[in-house]
Every structure is written in C-alpha cells, then in structure tokens.
Amino acid sequence: MLTDPWIAALLALFAWWFSTGLILLVVRSADRGNRSLAVTLLALPVLALGAWGLWTSQTRLDAGGVYLAFLSALAIWGWIELAFLAGVVTGPNTHICPSTSPGWERFLRAWGTIAYHEIVLVFSLIAMWLALHGAANMFGVWTFAVLFFARVSAKLNLFLGVPKINTEFLPSALSHLPSHFRIAPMNALFPVSITALSFATACWLERIYSAASPAETAGFALLSALTALALLEHWFMVLPLPDEKLWRWMLPAPKQNQKTREDAHGL
C-alpha cells in the first residue's frame, strides 16, 4: 500500500501540514513563555534522529527506507526552521529596516536578519550531499534540496515584492522581519520561480512512470507532492486565499509583539 503513488502523495501532504502546524505550535507556545532557547535545545533529539535516519536509510531502497529518508530530511529541516522561528538561529541584524533605505542597503539588512540560518541550511545540504552522494537511496537529500531551493525562492520573492504576505505566525523575536519584505503587484523573479517549480514537479511526475521499482515510485511521488506544495505556497503570495486558516485554529493566542528599535546605520 505504501508504494502506491497516491498514498505517498497524501502522506506527503499530511507531513507538510502536520509538521508546519507542530512547529508553529511549539514556537507560539515558547514565545508566550519566553522559552525559545530551551525549546530549541530540547528539540535537538529530533535533529539527531533525522541525521540517524538519513544515514541508516542510504542503503535501503525499499518502501520503508524511502519513507525513512523522506521523514528524516523533514526532521532535520524542521529543527532548523524551529531554531529560526524561535529566534535562536537567525542573523546579526535585529533592527527594523527604515522605509527610506535604498535597494542595496535593504538587501544587506535583509541578509543580516537571516544570515546564520541560511549558512546552516547550506552547510546541511552540502554535508548531506558529501555523506550520501552515490548511495542507493538519495531521496532524503533530494527532499532537503527541494525544501532548500523552494525556500530561497520564496524569501527572494518576499524581498522583491509580492501582493500578499502573511506575517501572522511570526513570533516576537522576528517582529523586525516584515520590515524587510515588500508589498508589490509582481516582481520579475516570481514567474521564473513558478516556471521552475512547475518544471521540477513535472520532472518528478515523469520519474514516477519510469521508476525501476515500487519503492522508487513512492519516493518520486513524495517528491512530486512536496514540490507541488512548494509551488502552491508560492501562489499563496499572490492569490487572495486564507491559507493561514490551515493552522490558525490549532494555535494559542500570540504574544503581544514587542517593538524593535530602528537603526539607520546598517548591519
């Protein structure tokens, strides 16, 4: 049953929704109690289990190995996102970006807000590739790569400008972040992002039909669904859809955001 591509796609959809909601719930609860660092450290076993799962699954090209690799990559990604949203692994800049900042300064400031987080992501992807390159089961690496490039694309689009930006779930530690975003009808990168993600989804779908085994069929179905969800998240930036309702119902009330001081002297 687990090798059925439709089952795999549904499981990927559930994993995306559940893991996102769980991270938001943990971050919101930690933010209300000022326990962000403690929660991030307590979640380190999730990171360790993810690393163990990736390493263990590299020689397994059965359905169990494919799902283990996929979920392990999500676990590693999830811990890094938790550390970011909790304000533990972000960047050196914690100041609001002045609205009068020129484009180059705004870019430097924006990079400064997320620099450490991006370095950790790049480091993680490179480490996975070096450790698992040539392994029988690379689905974990591909899963992390899809998440990484989709996230980079999303962040660049938020910086360049999109019609709809949802900041409802940002904790107080990241209250300065929206000042680096830009509301705009469209930007030149967005069509490129949509085209690239659509092409990637089509490529994974094609691999489903040319897969050499049922386990590979499930693996490529997982990647197809995950990439399609990344594409959907990009469309959420321009379409007036209430995507926040997917998780709002399960979260406690947010902590009152604290004001972040504005610094006119750069990073």
C-alpha atoms as a PDB file:
ATOM      1  CA  MET A   1       0.000   0.000   0.000  1.00  0.00           C
ATOM      2  CA  LEU A   2       2.801   2.438   0.862  1.00  0.00           C
ATOM      3  CA  THR A   3       4.212   2.101  -2.650  1.00  0.00           C
ATOM      4  CA  ASP A   4       1.002   3.467  -4.184  1.00  0.00           C
ATOM      5  CA  PRO A   5       1.865   6.956  -5.522  1.00  0.00           C
ATOM      6  CA  TRP A   6      -1.465   8.395  -4.380  1.00  0.00           C
ATOM      7  CA  ILE A   7      -0.909   7.142  -0.836  1.00  0.00           C
ATOM      8  CA  ALA A   8       2.615   8.587  -0.906  1.00  0.00           C
ATOM      9  CA  ALA A   9       1.304  11.959  -2.116  1.00  0.00           C
ATOM     10  CA  LEU A  10      -1.339  12.051   0.622  1.00  0.00           C
ATOM     11  CA  LEU A  11       1.250  11.187   3.250  1.00  0.00           C
ATOM     12  CA  ALA A  12       3.496  13.982   1.956  1.00  0.00           C
ATOM     13  CA  LEU A  13       0.554  16.395   2.176  1.00  0.00           C
ATOM     14  CA  PHE A  14      -0.174  15.326   5.751  1.00  0.00           C
ATOM     15  CA  ALA A  15       3.505  15.525   6.743  1.00  0.00           C
ATOM     16  CA  TRP A  16       3.707  19.069   5.303  1.00  0.00           C
ATOM     17  CA  TRP A  17       0.566  20.234   7.103  1.00  0.00           C
ATOM     18  CA  PHE A  18       1.269  18.467  10.404  1.00  0.00           C
ATOM     19  CA  SER A  19       4.963  19.360  10.663  1.00  0.00           C
ATOM     20  CA  THR A  20       4.266  23.016   9.826  1.00  0.00           C
ATOM     21  CA  GLY A  21       1.486  23.168  12.399  1.00  0.00           C
ATOM     22  CA  LEU A  22       3.590  21.446  15.050  1.00  0.00           C
ATOM     23  CA  ILE A  23       6.496  23.860  14.553  1.00  0.00           C
ATOM     24  CA  LEU A  24       4.152  26.865  14.706  1.00  0.00           C
ATOM     25  CA  LEU A  25       2.503  25.479  17.839  1.00  0.00           C
ATOM     26  CA  VAL A  26       5.824  24.901  19.605  1.00  0.00           C
ATOM     27  CA  VAL A  27       7.160  28.315  18.577  1.00  0.00           C
ATOM     28  CA  ARG A  28       3.965  30.126  19.628  1.00  0.00           C
ATOM     29  CA  SER A  29       3.909  28.351  22.999  1.00  0.00           C
ATOM     30  CA  ALA A  30       7.610  29.025  23.598  1.00  0.00           C
ATOM     31  CA  ASP A  31       7.190  32.669  22.599  1.00  0.00           C
ATOM     32  CA  ARG A  32       4.380  33.156  25.103  1.00  0.00           C
ATOM     33  CA  GLY A  33       6.553  31.779  27.902  1.00  0.00           C
ATOM     34  CA  ASN A  34       9.917  33.200  26.786  1.00  0.00           C
ATOM     35  CA  ARG A  35      11.324  29.671  26.475  1.00  0.00           C
ATOM     36  CA  SER A  36      12.568  29.796  22.880  1.00  0.00           C
ATOM     37  CA  LEU A  37      16.156  28.705  23.577  1.00  0.00           C
ATOM     38  CA  ALA A  38      15.086  25.932  25.945  1.00  0.00           C
ATOM     39  CA  VAL A  39      12.557  24.553  23.467  1.00  0.00           C
ATOM     40  CA  THR A  40      15.106  24.613  20.643  1.00  0.00           C
ATOM     41  CA  LEU A  41      17.634  22.704  22.756  1.00  0.00           C
ATOM     42  CA  LEU A  42      15.018  20.217  23.932  1.00  0.00           C
ATOM     43  CA  ALA A  43      14.184  19.503  20.284  1.00  0.00           C
ATOM     44  CA  LEU A  44      17.786  18.506  19.460  1.00  0.00           C
ATOM     45  CA  PRO A  45      16.879  14.778  19.594  1.00  0.00           C
ATOM     46  CA  VAL A  46      14.675  15.404  16.543  1.00  0.00           C
ATOM     47  CA  LEU A  47      17.742  16.654  14.672  1.00  0.00           C
ATOM     48  CA  ALA A  48      19.773  13.662  15.849  1.00  0.00           C
ATOM     49  CA  LEU A  49      17.050  11.214  14.815  1.00  0.00           C
ATOM     50  CA  GLY A  50      16.863  12.868  11.411  1.00  0.00           C
ATOM     51  CA  ALA A  51      20.607  12.502  10.889  1.00  0.00           C
ATOM     52  CA  TRP A  52      20.475   8.881  12.059  1.00  0.00           C
ATOM     53  CA  GLY A  53      17.545   8.135   9.761  1.00  0.00           C
ATOM     54  CA  LEU A  54      19.275   9.628   6.725  1.00  0.00           C
ATOM     55  CA  TRP A  55      22.445   7.644   7.376  1.00  0.00           C
ATOM     56  CA  THR A  56      20.578   4.401   8.087  1.00  0.00           C
ATOM     57  CA  SER A  57      18.325   4.642   5.043  1.00  0.00           C
ATOM     58  CA  GLN A  58      21.069   5.257   2.478  1.00  0.00           C
ATOM     59  CA  THR A  59      21.455   1.545   1.642  1.00  0.00           C
ATOM     60  CA  ARG A  60      17.741   0.747   1.764  1.00  0.00           C
ATOM     61  CA  LEU A  61      15.815   1.099  -1.472  1.00  0.00           C
ATOM     62  CA  ASP A  62      12.626  -0.454  -0.164  1.00  0.00           C
ATOM     63  CA  ALA A  63       9.457   1.442   0.769  1.00  0.00           C
ATOM     64  CA  GLY A  64      10.487   1.673   4.425  1.00  0.00           C
ATOM     65  CA  GLY A  65      13.874   3.107   3.515  1.00  0.00           C
ATOM     66  CA  VAL A  66      12.359   5.685   1.176  1.00  0.00           C
ATOM     67  CA  TYR A  67       9.856   6.901   3.768  1.00  0.00           C
ATOM     68  CA  LEU A  68      12.550   6.922   6.458  1.00  0.00           C
ATOM     69  CA  ALA A  69      14.786   9.096   4.267  1.00  0.00           C
ATOM     70  CA  PHE A  70      11.917  11.474   3.451  1.00  0.00           C
ATOM     71  CA  LEU A  71      10.792  11.873   7.060  1.00  0.00           C
ATOM     72  CA  SER A  72      14.384  12.171   8.293  1.00  0.00           C
ATOM     73  CA  ALA A  73      15.039  15.061   5.914  1.00  0.00           C
ATOM     74  CA  LEU A  74      11.836  16.715   7.155  1.00  0.00           C
ATOM     75  CA  ALA A  75      13.019  16.246  10.751  1.00  0.00           C
ATOM     76  CA  ILE A  76      16.351  17.950  10.059  1.00  0.00           C
ATOM     77  CA  TRP A  77      14.637  20.735   8.138  1.00  0.00           C
ATOM     78  CA  GLY A  78      12.023  21.095  10.861  1.00  0.00           C
ATOM     79  CA  TRP A  79      14.578  21.551  13.631  1.00  0.00           C
ATOM     80  CA  ILE A  80      16.426  24.227  11.643  1.00  0.00           C
ATOM     81  CA  GLU A  81      13.145  26.045  10.974  1.00  0.00           C
ATOM     82  CA  LEU A  82      12.217  25.770  14.645  1.00  0.00           C
ATOM     83  CA  ALA A  83      15.556  27.312  15.608  1.00  0.00           C
ATOM     84  CA  PHE A  84      14.946  30.142  13.133  1.00  0.00           C
ATOM     85  CA  LEU A  85      11.356  30.917  14.092  1.00  0.00           C
ATOM     86  CA  ALA A  86      12.277  30.747  17.769  1.00  0.00           C
ATOM     87  CA  GLY A  87      14.856  33.464  17.124  1.00  0.00           C
ATOM     88  CA  VAL A  88      17.776  31.235  18.152  1.00  0.00           C
ATOM     89  CA  VAL A  89      19.444  30.828  14.729  1.00  0.00           C
ATOM     90  CA  THR A  90      18.676  33.944  12.676  1.00  0.00           C
ATOM     91  CA  GLY A  91      21.250  36.624  11.866  1.00  0.00           C
ATOM     92  CA  PRO A  92      23.162  39.575  13.346  1.00  0.00           C
ATOM     93  CA  ASN A  93      20.591  42.191  12.316  1.00  0.00           C
ATOM     94  CA  THR A  94      17.614  42.531  14.660  1.00  0.00           C
ATOM     95  CA  HIS A  95      16.612  46.063  13.668  1.00  0.00           C
ATOM     96  CA  ILE A  96      13.659  47.308  11.687  1.00  0.00           C
ATOM     97  CA  CYS A  97      14.557  48.327   8.148  1.00  0.00           C
ATOM     98  CA  PRO A  98      13.847  52.050   7.544  1.00  0.00           C
ATOM     99  CA  SER A  99      11.331  52.537   4.750  1.00  0.00           C
ATOM    100  CA  THR A 100      13.684  55.051   3.114  1.00  0.00           C
ATOM    101  CA  SER A 101      16.559  52.567   2.737  1.00  0.00           C
ATOM    102  CA  PRO A 102      17.851  52.198  -0.849  1.00  0.00           C
ATOM    103  CA  GLY A 103      17.701  48.786  -2.507  1.00  0.00           C
ATOM    104  CA  TRP A 104      21.295  47.725  -1.836  1.00  0.00           C
ATOM    105  CA  GLU A 105      21.060  48.659   1.841  1.00  0.00           C
ATOM    106  CA  ARG A 106      17.720  46.909   2.197  1.00  0.00           C
ATOM    107  CA  PHE A 107      19.277  43.754   0.705  1.00  0.00           C
ATOM    108  CA  LEU A 108      22.215  43.868   3.135  1.00  0.00           C
ATOM    109  CA  ARG A 109      19.866  44.408   6.048  1.00  0.00           C
ATOM    110  CA  ALA A 110      17.588  41.592   4.900  1.00  0.00           C
ATOM    111  CA  TRP A 111      20.545  39.236   4.530  1.00  0.00           C
ATOM    112  CA  GLY A 112      21.670  40.211   8.016  1.00  0.00           C
ATOM    113  CA  THR A 113      18.349  39.111   9.510  1.00  0.00           C
ATOM    114  CA  ILE A 114      18.676  35.524   8.211  1.00  0.00           C
ATOM    115  CA  ALA A 115      22.405  35.028   7.560  1.00  0.00           C
ATOM    116  CA  TYR A 116      23.125  32.395  10.225  1.00  0.00           C
ATOM    117  CA  HIS A 117      20.013  30.450   9.279  1.00  0.00           C
ATOM    118  CA  GLU A 118      20.928  30.406   5.592  1.00  0.00           C
ATOM    119  CA  ILE A 119      24.501  29.328   6.362  1.00  0.00           C
ATOM    120  CA  VAL A 120      23.195  26.416   8.450  1.00  0.00           C
ATOM    121  CA  LEU A 121      20.901  25.346   5.599  1.00  0.00           C
ATOM    122  CA  VAL A 122      23.690  25.499   3.005  1.00  0.00           C
ATOM    123  CA  PHE A 123      26.059  23.653   5.327  1.00  0.00           C
ATOM    124  CA  SER A 124      23.441  20.963   5.962  1.00  0.00           C
ATOM    125  CA  LEU A 125      22.726  20.413   2.276  1.00  0.00           C
ATOM    126  CA  ILE A 126      26.427  20.195   1.411  1.00  0.00           C
ATOM    127  CA  ALA A 127      27.049  17.792   4.309  1.00  0.00           C
ATOM    128  CA  MET A 128      24.183  15.549   3.184  1.00  0.00           C
ATOM    129  CA  TRP A 129      25.452  15.517  -0.385  1.00  0.00           C
ATOM    130  CA  LEU A 130      29.027  14.699   0.614  1.00  0.00           C
ATOM    131  CA  ALA A 131      27.931  11.981   3.042  1.00  0.00           C
ATOM    132  CA  LEU A 132      25.347  10.300   0.815  1.00  0.00           C
ATOM    133  CA  HIS A 133      26.430  11.020  -2.757  1.00  0.00           C
ATOM    134  CA  GLY A 134      26.314   7.780  -4.719  1.00  0.00           C
ATOM    135  CA  ALA A 135      24.168   5.983  -2.121  1.00  0.00           C
ATOM    136  CA  ALA A 136      21.362   3.723  -3.289  1.00  0.00           C
ATOM    137  CA  ASN A 137      18.764   5.878  -1.531  1.00  0.00           C
ATOM    138  CA  MET A 138      19.150   9.606  -2.203  1.00  0.00           C
ATOM    139  CA  PHE A 139      15.532  10.553  -1.543  1.00  0.00           C
ATOM    140  CA  GLY A 140      16.395  12.281   1.729  1.00  0.00           C
ATOM    141  CA  VAL A 141      18.947  14.520   0.029  1.00  0.00           C
ATOM    142  CA  TRP A 142      16.515  15.354  -2.771  1.00  0.00           C
ATOM    143  CA  THR A 143      13.803  16.127  -0.219  1.00  0.00           C
ATOM    144  CA  PHE A 144      16.054  18.588   1.608  1.00  0.00           C
ATOM    145  CA  ALA A 145      17.189  20.101  -1.699  1.00  0.00           C
ATOM    146  CA  VAL A 146      13.577  20.735  -2.779  1.00  0.00           C
ATOM    147  CA  LEU A 147      12.836  22.425   0.542  1.00  0.00           C
ATOM    148  CA  PHE A 148      16.035  24.471   0.354  1.00  0.00           C
ATOM    149  CA  PHE A 149      15.649  25.861  -3.163  1.00  0.00           C
ATOM    150  CA  ALA A 150      11.917  26.476  -2.715  1.00  0.00           C
ATOM    151  CA  ARG A 151      12.636  28.400   0.495  1.00  0.00           C
ATOM    152  CA  VAL A 152      15.364  30.509  -1.128  1.00  0.00           C
ATOM    153  CA  SER A 153      12.961  31.337  -3.949  1.00  0.00           C
ATOM    154  CA  ALA A 154      10.198  32.272  -1.501  1.00  0.00           C
ATOM    155  CA  LYS A 155      12.477  34.550   0.519  1.00  0.00           C
ATOM    156  CA  LEU A 156      13.734  36.337  -2.581  1.00  0.00           C
ATOM    157  CA  ASN A 157      10.174  36.885  -3.774  1.00  0.00           C
ATOM    158  CA  LEU A 158       9.173  38.294  -0.382  1.00  0.00           C
ATOM    159  CA  PHE A 159      12.127  40.672  -0.553  1.00  0.00           C
ATOM    160  CA  LEU A 160      11.452  41.775  -4.140  1.00  0.00           C
ATOM    161  CA  GLY A 161       7.733  42.206  -3.543  1.00  0.00           C
ATOM    162  CA  VAL A 162       4.523  40.183  -3.795  1.00  0.00           C
ATOM    163  CA  PRO A 163       0.861  41.179  -3.380  1.00  0.00           C
ATOM    164  CA  LYS A 164       0.158  39.089  -0.255  1.00  0.00           C
ATOM    165  CA  ILE A 165       2.429  38.500   2.738  1.00  0.00           C
ATOM    166  CA  ASN A 166       1.233  36.588   5.794  1.00  0.00           C
ATOM    167  CA  THR A 167       3.124  37.591   8.953  1.00  0.00           C
ATOM    168  CA  GLU A 168       0.526  36.309  11.398  1.00  0.00           C
ATOM    169  CA  PHE A 169       2.642  33.414  12.669  1.00  0.00           C
ATOM    170  CA  LEU A 170       5.897  35.321  13.209  1.00  0.00           C
ATOM    171  CA  PRO A 171       6.937  35.348  16.901  1.00  0.00           C
ATOM    172  CA  SER A 172       8.071  38.452  18.767  1.00  0.00           C
ATOM    173  CA  ALA A 173      11.744  37.556  18.214  1.00  0.00           C
ATOM    174  CA  LEU A 174      11.213  38.084  14.482  1.00  0.00           C
ATOM    175  CA  SER A 175       8.980  41.150  14.695  1.00  0.00           C
ATOM    176  CA  HIS A 176      11.584  43.113  12.711  1.00  0.00           C
ATOM    177  CA  LEU A 177      11.427  40.725   9.762  1.00  0.00           C
ATOM    178  CA  PRO A 178       8.334  42.102   7.933  1.00  0.00           C
ATOM    179  CA  SER A 179      10.018  45.500   7.531  1.00  0.00           C
ATOM    180  CA  HIS A 180      12.370  43.830   5.047  1.00  0.00           C
ATOM    181  CA  PHE A 181       9.503  42.465   2.940  1.00  0.00           C
ATOM    182  CA  ARG A 182       7.828  44.443   0.192  1.00  0.00           C
ATOM    183  CA  ILE A 183       4.229  44.571  -0.980  1.00  0.00           C
ATOM    184  CA  ALA A 184       4.132  44.897  -4.775  1.00  0.00           C
ATOM    185  CA  PRO A 185       1.855  43.778  -7.617  1.00  0.00           C
ATOM    186  CA  MET A 186       4.572  41.482  -9.008  1.00  0.00           C
ATOM    187  CA  ASN A 187       8.311  41.073  -9.404  1.00  0.00           C
ATOM    188  CA  ALA A 188      10.447  39.697 -12.223  1.00  0.00           C
ATOM    189  CA  LEU A 189      11.524  36.617 -10.260  1.00  0.00           C
ATOM    190  CA  PHE A 190       8.043  35.295  -9.489  1.00  0.00           C
ATOM    191  CA  PRO A 191       7.257  33.936 -12.989  1.00  0.00           C
ATOM    192  CA  VAL A 192      10.700  32.306 -13.048  1.00  0.00           C
ATOM    193  CA  SER A 193      10.031  30.671  -9.674  1.00  0.00           C
ATOM    194  CA  ILE A 194       6.628  29.396 -10.770  1.00  0.00           C
ATOM    195  CA  THR A 195       8.049  28.028 -14.019  1.00  0.00           C
ATOM    196  CA  ALA A 196      10.975  26.319 -12.281  1.00  0.00           C
ATOM    197  CA  LEU A 197       8.786  24.695  -9.626  1.00  0.00           C
ATOM    198  CA  SER A 198       6.244  23.594 -12.237  1.00  0.00           C
ATOM    199  CA  PHE A 199       9.022  22.069 -14.330  1.00  0.00           C
ATOM    200  CA  ALA A 200      10.503  20.313 -11.286  1.00  0.00           C
ATOM    201  CA  THR A 201       7.091  18.895 -10.375  1.00  0.00           C
ATOM    202  CA  ALA A 202       6.649  17.618 -13.932  1.00  0.00           C
ATOM    203  CA  CYS A 203      10.100  16.005 -13.839  1.00  0.00           C
ATOM    204  CA  TRP A 204       9.327  14.151 -10.607  1.00  0.00           C
ATOM    205  CA  LEU A 205       5.979  13.028 -12.047  1.00  0.00           C
ATOM    206  CA  GLU A 206       7.738  11.687 -15.133  1.00  0.00           C
ATOM    207  CA  ARG A 207      10.121   9.733 -12.908  1.00  0.00           C
ATOM    208  CA  ILE A 208       7.142   8.020 -11.266  1.00  0.00           C
ATOM    209  CA  TYR A 209       6.288   6.343 -14.558  1.00  0.00           C
ATOM    210  CA  SER A 210       9.887   5.404 -15.338  1.00  0.00           C
ATOM    211  CA  ALA A 211      10.751   4.215 -11.812  1.00  0.00           C
ATOM    212  CA  ALA A 212      12.671   0.948 -11.608  1.00  0.00           C
ATOM    213  CA  SER A 213      10.862  -0.313  -8.504  1.00  0.00           C
ATOM    214  CA  PRO A 214       7.697   0.285  -6.451  1.00  0.00           C
ATOM    215  CA  ALA A 215       9.827   1.934  -3.745  1.00  0.00           C
ATOM    216  CA  GLU A 216      11.203   4.435  -6.260  1.00  0.00           C
ATOM    217  CA  THR A 217       7.640   5.092  -7.425  1.00  0.00           C
ATOM    218  CA  ALA A 218       6.706   6.050  -3.863  1.00  0.00           C
ATOM    219  CA  GLY A 219       9.842   8.163  -3.491  1.00  0.00           C
ATOM    220  CA  PHE A 220       9.215  10.179  -6.624  1.00  0.00           C
ATOM    221  CA  ALA A 221       5.548  10.578  -5.633  1.00  0.00           C
ATOM    222  CA  LEU A 222       6.692  12.056  -2.309  1.00  0.00           C
ATOM    223  CA  LEU A 223       8.988  14.480  -4.137  1.00  0.00           C
ATOM    224  CA  SER A 224       6.265  15.371  -6.660  1.00  0.00           C
ATOM    225  CA  ALA A 225       3.803  16.200  -3.901  1.00  0.00           C
ATOM    226  CA  LEU A 226       6.364  18.173  -1.891  1.00  0.00           C
ATOM    227  CA  THR A 227       7.404  20.241  -4.914  1.00  0.00           C
ATOM    228  CA  ALA A 228       3.760  20.834  -5.834  1.00  0.00           C
ATOM    229  CA  LEU A 229       3.146  22.086  -2.290  1.00  0.00           C
ATOM    230  CA  ALA A 230       6.105  24.455  -2.631  1.00  0.00           C
ATOM    231  CA  LEU A 231       4.521  25.697  -5.858  1.00  0.00           C
ATOM    232  CA  LEU A 232       1.220  26.180  -4.018  1.00  0.00           C
ATOM    233  CA  GLU A 233       2.966  28.158  -1.278  1.00  0.00           C
ATOM    234  CA  HIS A 234       4.326  30.496  -3.944  1.00  0.00           C
ATOM    235  CA  TRP A 235       0.833  31.007  -5.352  1.00  0.00           C
ATOM    236  CA  PHE A 236      -0.355  31.871  -1.825  1.00  0.00           C
ATOM    237  CA  MET A 237       1.814  35.008  -2.169  1.00  0.00           C
ATOM    238  CA  VAL A 238      -0.353  36.371  -4.980  1.00  0.00           C
ATOM    239  CA  LEU A 239      -3.780  34.764  -4.632  1.00  0.00           C
ATOM    240  CA  PRO A 240      -6.279  36.071  -2.031  1.00  0.00           C
ATOM    241  CA  LEU A 241      -6.632  32.693  -0.309  1.00  0.00           C
ATOM    242  CA  PRO A 242      -6.882  32.388   3.511  1.00  0.00           C
ATOM    243  CA  ASP A 243      -4.027  29.883   3.841  1.00  0.00           C
ATOM    244  CA  GLU A 244      -3.461  30.909   7.463  1.00  0.00           C
ATOM    245  CA  LYS A 245      -6.708  29.116   8.379  1.00  0.00           C
ATOM    246  CA  LEU A 246      -4.940  25.788   7.810  1.00  0.00           C
ATOM    247  CA  TRP A 247      -3.114  26.249  11.128  1.00  0.00           C
ATOM    248  CA  ARG A 248      -4.692  29.196  12.965  1.00  0.00           C
ATOM    249  CA  TRP A 249      -7.287  27.039  14.706  1.00  0.00           C
ATOM    250  CA  MET A 250      -4.649  24.894  16.438  1.00  0.00           C
ATOM    251  CA  LEU A 251      -2.508  27.732  17.838  1.00  0.00           C
ATOM    252  CA  PRO A 252      -2.809  29.640  21.132  1.00  0.00           C
ATOM    253  CA  ALA A 253      -3.203  33.409  21.070  1.00  0.00           C
ATOM    254  CA  PRO A 254       0.016  35.206  20.067  1.00  0.00           C
ATOM    255  CA  LYS A 255       2.187  37.099  22.499  1.00  0.00           C
ATOM    256  CA  GLN A 256       1.948  40.881  22.194  1.00  0.00           C
ATOM    257  CA  ASN A 257       4.768  41.831  19.800  1.00  0.00           C
ATOM    258  CA  GLN A 258       7.474  43.986  21.275  1.00  0.00           C
ATOM    259  CA  LYS A 259       8.695  46.992  19.367  1.00  0.00           C
ATOM    260  CA  THR A 260      12.074  46.590  17.742  1.00  0.00           C
ATOM    261  CA  ARG A 261      14.249  49.655  17.557  1.00  0.00           C
ATOM    262  CA  GLU A 262      15.115  51.108  14.178  1.00  0.00           C
ATOM    263  CA  ASP A 263      18.785  51.513  13.328  1.00  0.00           C
ATOM    264  CA  ALA A 264      19.815  53.741  10.440  1.00  0.00           C
ATOM    265  CA  HIS A 265      23.431  52.642  10.378  1.00  0.00           C
ATOM    266  CA  GLY A 266      23.221  49.283   8.624  1.00  0.00           C
ATOM    267  CA  LEU A 267      24.252  45.891   9.962  1.00  0.00           C
END
